[in-house]
């Protein structure tokens, strides 16, 4: 984790809970900036037609916080909620040469600024939990998988350690061919 990820806190930190019913619901997420520089944000969701955020683009000065309203339009009767739903919060340190009257949305869309922001951009995922459904059953697609241990063959391991392994000899038996002894005898 880098400094930006540790200095920006979310309440709630991992999940936002909604009821899977056919009624509009509003929840709040508070984002705090404990960093010594201003940070800008962009909110995204997996289903923009179902979830809305206010504001979508904003910035936070050092040592301040902001409450974001998350709107859910509801789940039609008889329809199971999508357990992979989530909000993504994209954040970056405000460029030092940003004008004082800058528009956060325009900065996120400006190609030149995106190049400048590239090193400081981070993503935070807030999963959507639906009441009555298990939280941890569906892994978030943006969570990084743990690195699998590499498995090498005995020959590759021996080569890496400076010793040479004997390669096994593989005999292939074909159905319908005469036994080996009969072929060698001819």
Protein backbone atom coordinates (compact mmCIF):
# COMPACT_ATOMS: atom_id res chain seq x y z
CA UNK A 1 0.00 0.00 0.00
CA UNK A 2 1.30 3.45 -0.77
CA UNK A 3 0.86 6.71 1.11
CA UNK A 4 -2.25 7.87 -0.78
CA UNK A 5 -4.10 4.63 -0.02
CA UNK A 6 -3.32 4.88 3.70
CA UNK A 7 -4.17 8.60 4.03
CA UNK A 8 -7.62 8.39 2.43
CA UNK A 9 -10.20 6.68 4.64
CA UNK A 10 -13.73 5.52 3.92
CA UNK A 11 -16.65 5.05 6.29
CA UNK A 12 -17.95 2.39 5.76
CA UNK A 13 -14.57 0.98 4.72
CA UNK A 14 -15.49 -2.01 2.50
CA UNK A 15 -19.23 -2.49 1.94
CA UNK A 16 -22.38 -0.46 1.41
CA UNK A 17 -25.54 -2.36 2.33
CA UNK A 18 -28.86 -2.07 0.48
CA UNK A 19 -32.11 -4.01 0.81
CA UNK A 20 -32.98 -6.00 -2.33
CA UNK A 21 -36.49 -4.52 -2.55
CA UNK A 22 -38.29 -2.47 -5.18
CA UNK A 23 -37.87 0.95 -3.54
CA UNK A 24 -35.35 3.76 -3.83
CA UNK A 25 -32.73 3.84 -1.08
CA UNK A 26 -30.02 6.33 -0.18
CA UNK A 27 -26.87 5.52 1.78
CA UNK A 28 -23.91 7.70 2.67
CA UNK A 29 -20.16 7.17 2.48
CA UNK A 30 -17.78 9.58 4.19
CA UNK A 31 -14.36 10.05 2.62
CA UNK A 32 -11.61 11.73 4.66
CA UNK A 33 -8.31 13.13 3.39
CA UNK A 34 -5.53 12.89 5.99
CA UNK A 35 -2.93 13.53 3.27
CA UNK A 36 -0.94 16.77 3.23
CA UNK A 37 -2.00 17.50 -0.38
CA UNK A 38 -5.40 17.98 -2.01
CA UNK A 39 -6.83 14.85 -3.61
CA UNK A 40 -9.39 14.63 -6.42
CA UNK A 41 -11.96 11.88 -6.86
CA UNK A 42 -14.16 10.32 -9.50
CA UNK A 43 -16.97 7.90 -8.57
CA UNK A 44 -17.98 4.99 -10.81
CA UNK A 45 -20.37 2.05 -10.55
CA UNK A 46 -20.93 -1.27 -12.30
CA UNK A 47 -24.55 -0.34 -13.14
CA UNK A 48 -25.04 3.39 -13.78
CA UNK A 49 -28.74 2.89 -14.54
CA UNK A 50 -29.38 1.43 -11.08
CA UNK A 51 -26.85 3.31 -8.90
CA UNK A 52 -26.17 7.05 -8.80
CA UNK A 53 -23.62 9.02 -6.79
CA UNK A 54 -23.72 12.67 -5.72
CA UNK A 55 -21.26 14.19 -6.33
CA UNK A 56 -19.50 12.10 -8.99
CA UNK A 57 -16.46 14.42 -9.28
CA UNK A 58 -15.01 16.29 -6.31
CA UNK A 59 -11.80 17.19 -4.51
CA UNK A 60 -10.80 17.23 -0.86
CA UNK A 61 -8.36 19.65 0.67
CA UNK A 62 -5.90 18.29 3.26
CA UNK A 63 -7.42 17.29 6.62
CA UNK A 64 -11.03 17.52 5.36
CA UNK A 65 -13.82 15.05 4.67
CA UNK A 66 -16.90 14.82 2.48
CA UNK A 67 -20.09 12.79 2.57
CA UNK A 68 -21.19 11.19 -0.69
CA UNK A 69 -24.80 10.13 -1.25
CA UNK A 70 -25.26 6.77 -2.95
CA UNK A 71 -28.66 6.23 -4.59
CA UNK A 72 -30.07 2.78 -5.38
CA UNK A 73 -33.18 2.66 -7.57
CA UNK A 74 -34.27 -0.71 -6.16
CA UNK A 75 -34.55 -4.30 -7.25
CA UNK A 76 -37.70 -5.22 -9.22
CA UNK A 77 -39.82 -7.91 -7.56
CA UNK A 78 -38.69 -11.42 -8.38
CA UNK A 79 -35.29 -10.32 -9.71
CA UNK A 80 -32.18 -11.47 -7.86
CA UNK A 81 -29.65 -8.69 -7.18
CA UNK A 82 -26.29 -8.82 -8.91
CA UNK A 83 -23.82 -9.84 -6.18
CA UNK A 84 -20.91 -8.41 -8.18
CA UNK A 85 -22.23 -4.82 -7.97
CA UNK A 86 -19.75 -2.28 -6.65
CA UNK A 87 -18.76 1.36 -6.51
CA UNK A 88 -15.24 2.31 -7.59
CA UNK A 89 -13.61 5.45 -6.25
CA UNK A 90 -10.78 6.68 -8.46
CA UNK A 91 -8.46 9.12 -6.69
CA UNK A 92 -5.32 11.09 -7.48
CA UNK A 93 -3.25 13.84 -5.96
CA UNK A 94 -4.19 17.21 -7.46
CA UNK A 95 -1.45 18.39 -9.85
CA UNK A 96 0.62 21.26 -8.47
CA UNK A 97 0.09 23.33 -11.61
CA UNK A 98 -3.71 23.02 -11.49
CA UNK A 99 -5.40 26.44 -11.69
CA UNK A 100 -7.24 27.72 -8.63
CA UNK A 101 -10.59 27.77 -10.46
CA UNK A 102 -10.19 24.31 -11.96
CA UNK A 103 -13.08 21.94 -12.67
CA UNK A 104 -12.42 18.40 -11.36
CA UNK A 105 -14.45 16.75 -14.11
CA UNK A 106 -12.49 18.55 -16.84
CA UNK A 107 -9.18 17.59 -15.22
CA UNK A 108 -10.18 13.88 -15.24
CA UNK A 109 -11.12 14.13 -18.93
CA UNK A 110 -8.07 16.16 -20.07
CA UNK A 111 -5.59 13.87 -21.86
CA UNK A 112 -2.55 15.96 -20.86
CA UNK A 113 -3.57 15.88 -17.21
CA UNK A 114 -4.18 12.13 -17.33
CA UNK A 115 -0.55 11.61 -18.27
CA UNK A 116 0.52 13.79 -15.34
CA UNK A 117 -1.88 11.99 -12.96
CA UNK A 118 -0.91 8.48 -14.05
CA UNK A 119 1.60 7.86 -11.25
CA UNK A 120 -0.71 8.92 -8.44
CA UNK A 121 -4.03 7.39 -9.57
CA UNK A 122 -5.43 4.76 -7.19
CA UNK A 123 -8.71 2.82 -7.05
CA UNK A 124 -10.78 1.91 -4.01
CA UNK A 125 -13.61 -0.60 -4.39
CA UNK A 126 -16.71 -0.42 -2.22
CA UNK A 127 -18.67 -3.64 -2.65
CA UNK A 128 -22.44 -3.56 -2.53
CA UNK A 129 -23.90 -5.96 -0.02
CA UNK A 130 -27.55 -6.90 -0.29
CA UNK A 131 -29.27 -7.76 2.99
CA UNK A 132 -29.99 -11.47 3.24
CA UNK A 133 -27.16 -12.46 0.92
CA UNK A 134 -23.74 -13.78 1.94
CA UNK A 135 -21.04 -11.12 1.69
CA UNK A 136 -17.88 -13.10 1.01
CA UNK A 137 -19.16 -15.66 -1.48
CA UNK A 138 -18.43 -13.61 -4.58
CA UNK A 139 -14.86 -12.29 -4.81
CA UNK A 140 -14.55 -8.77 -6.10
CA UNK A 141 -13.13 -8.78 -9.64
CA UNK A 142 -10.81 -5.89 -8.83
CA UNK A 143 -9.21 -7.52 -5.82
CA UNK A 144 -5.74 -8.68 -6.65
CA UNK A 145 -5.38 -12.45 -6.62
CA UNK A 146 -2.64 -13.85 -4.46
CA UNK A 147 0.36 -14.86 -6.45
CA UNK A 148 0.49 -18.56 -7.04
CA UNK A 149 3.72 -20.30 -6.29
CA UNK A 150 5.54 -21.24 -9.43
CA UNK A 151 5.98 -24.94 -9.87
CA UNK A 152 8.97 -26.06 -11.84
CA UNK A 153 9.80 -29.46 -13.17
CA UNK A 154 12.61 -31.42 -11.53
CA UNK A 155 14.80 -30.68 -14.55
CA UNK A 156 14.19 -26.91 -14.31
CA UNK A 157 14.90 -26.93 -10.56
CA UNK A 158 18.08 -28.93 -11.06
CA UNK A 159 19.27 -26.56 -13.78
CA UNK A 160 18.59 -23.57 -11.53
CA UNK A 161 20.67 -25.14 -8.75
CA UNK A 162 23.57 -26.03 -11.04
CA UNK A 163 22.99 -29.76 -11.14
CA UNK A 164 21.77 -31.68 -14.13
CA UNK A 165 18.78 -33.95 -13.89
CA UNK A 166 18.39 -37.06 -15.96
CA UNK A 167 15.53 -36.67 -18.38
CA UNK A 168 13.10 -39.60 -18.23
CA UNK A 169 12.68 -41.66 -21.35
CA UNK A 170 9.11 -41.94 -22.47
CA UNK A 171 7.89 -44.94 -24.45
CA UNK A 172 4.73 -44.53 -26.43
CA UNK A 173 2.71 -47.66 -26.98
CA UNK A 174 0.60 -47.69 -30.10
CA UNK A 175 -2.35 -49.99 -30.24
CA UNK A 176 -2.18 -52.47 -33.09
CA UNK A 177 1.61 -52.52 -33.47
CA UNK A 178 3.44 -55.75 -32.86
CA UNK A 179 5.41 -56.04 -29.61
CA UNK A 180 8.88 -54.51 -29.65
CA UNK A 181 10.63 -57.87 -29.57
CA UNK A 182 8.91 -58.92 -32.79
CA UNK A 183 10.00 -55.73 -34.57
CA UNK A 184 13.64 -56.08 -33.43
CA UNK A 185 13.76 -59.73 -34.47
CA UNK A 186 12.88 -58.86 -38.08
